[in-house]
Amino acid sequence: TVDSTLANGTVTVEGNATNANENDTVTFTATPDVGCGLMSVKVYNTADTGMEVKTSPSGNGQYTFTMPEYAVTITATFSKYYTVTYNSDDVTVNSDSVMNLDWVVVTPVEKVDYELVKVWWKATETAEAAENEITKNDQGKYQFAMPAYNVTVGATFTEKQPEPEQPDPEPEQPTTYTVTTSS
C-alpha cells in the first residue's frame, strides 16, 4: 500500500503492483512535485509502524526492497525548496535553493582592510525581520538549518582601524662616567 496522505509528491510502485509474494523484489519511485525535493522514504509493516523494511536506492528517486511475509506501507516525505538570497560581494552559500531543515553553509568573503563582525540570516519577506547571528560550528563553518520560508544571508564587516602611530622612542642616553685624575 502507498501512504494516501503524501504531500508535495507521489510514490508509484512498478507495474502498479498491489500484491507481491514473500521474497519478491519490489521497486517503487518517489517523485517530488515541481519546486519540491525528496527528504526520505520509509517502508514499514502496515500492522506495526515501528517495524521498518530495509530499502535500497537505485538512483533517480527509485528504490527497491525485498517483500517480507506481511503487508507493508510505503511512504515518503517531500519538502518545498526555499530561496536563499545573498550578496556575493559579502558571502557565498552552498546552494541558493534549499529544503526545510537542510543545512545552509555560508562563507564570508575576505575583504582587504575590513574585518568580519558577524555572519547572519533573516526572513526575506519581512523587511523588519531580525538578523539571526550564525556562529561557527566545530568544523569552522558558518551554517544553519533552513527554515520553512525564504531567507536572506549576509555578513557585516567593519573597516580596520590603522594601527596608531607610536612616537619615536627617546634616543638612548649615553652612559656617563666620572673620570678622576690625580694631580
Foldseek 3Di string as FASTA:
>chain_A
DEDPPAPQWDKAKVVNDPDDDAFDKTKMFIGGHPQKAWDDKWKAAPVDRVHTFDWDDPDPRMIIGGHHPGDIYIYTHMFGWAAEAEDVQFWDWPDGTHGAFDKIWIGTDDDPQKDWDFKWKFAPVDPPTDTDTFDADPVRIGMDGHHNYYMYIGTDIDGHDDDDDDPDDDPDDDDDDDDDDDD
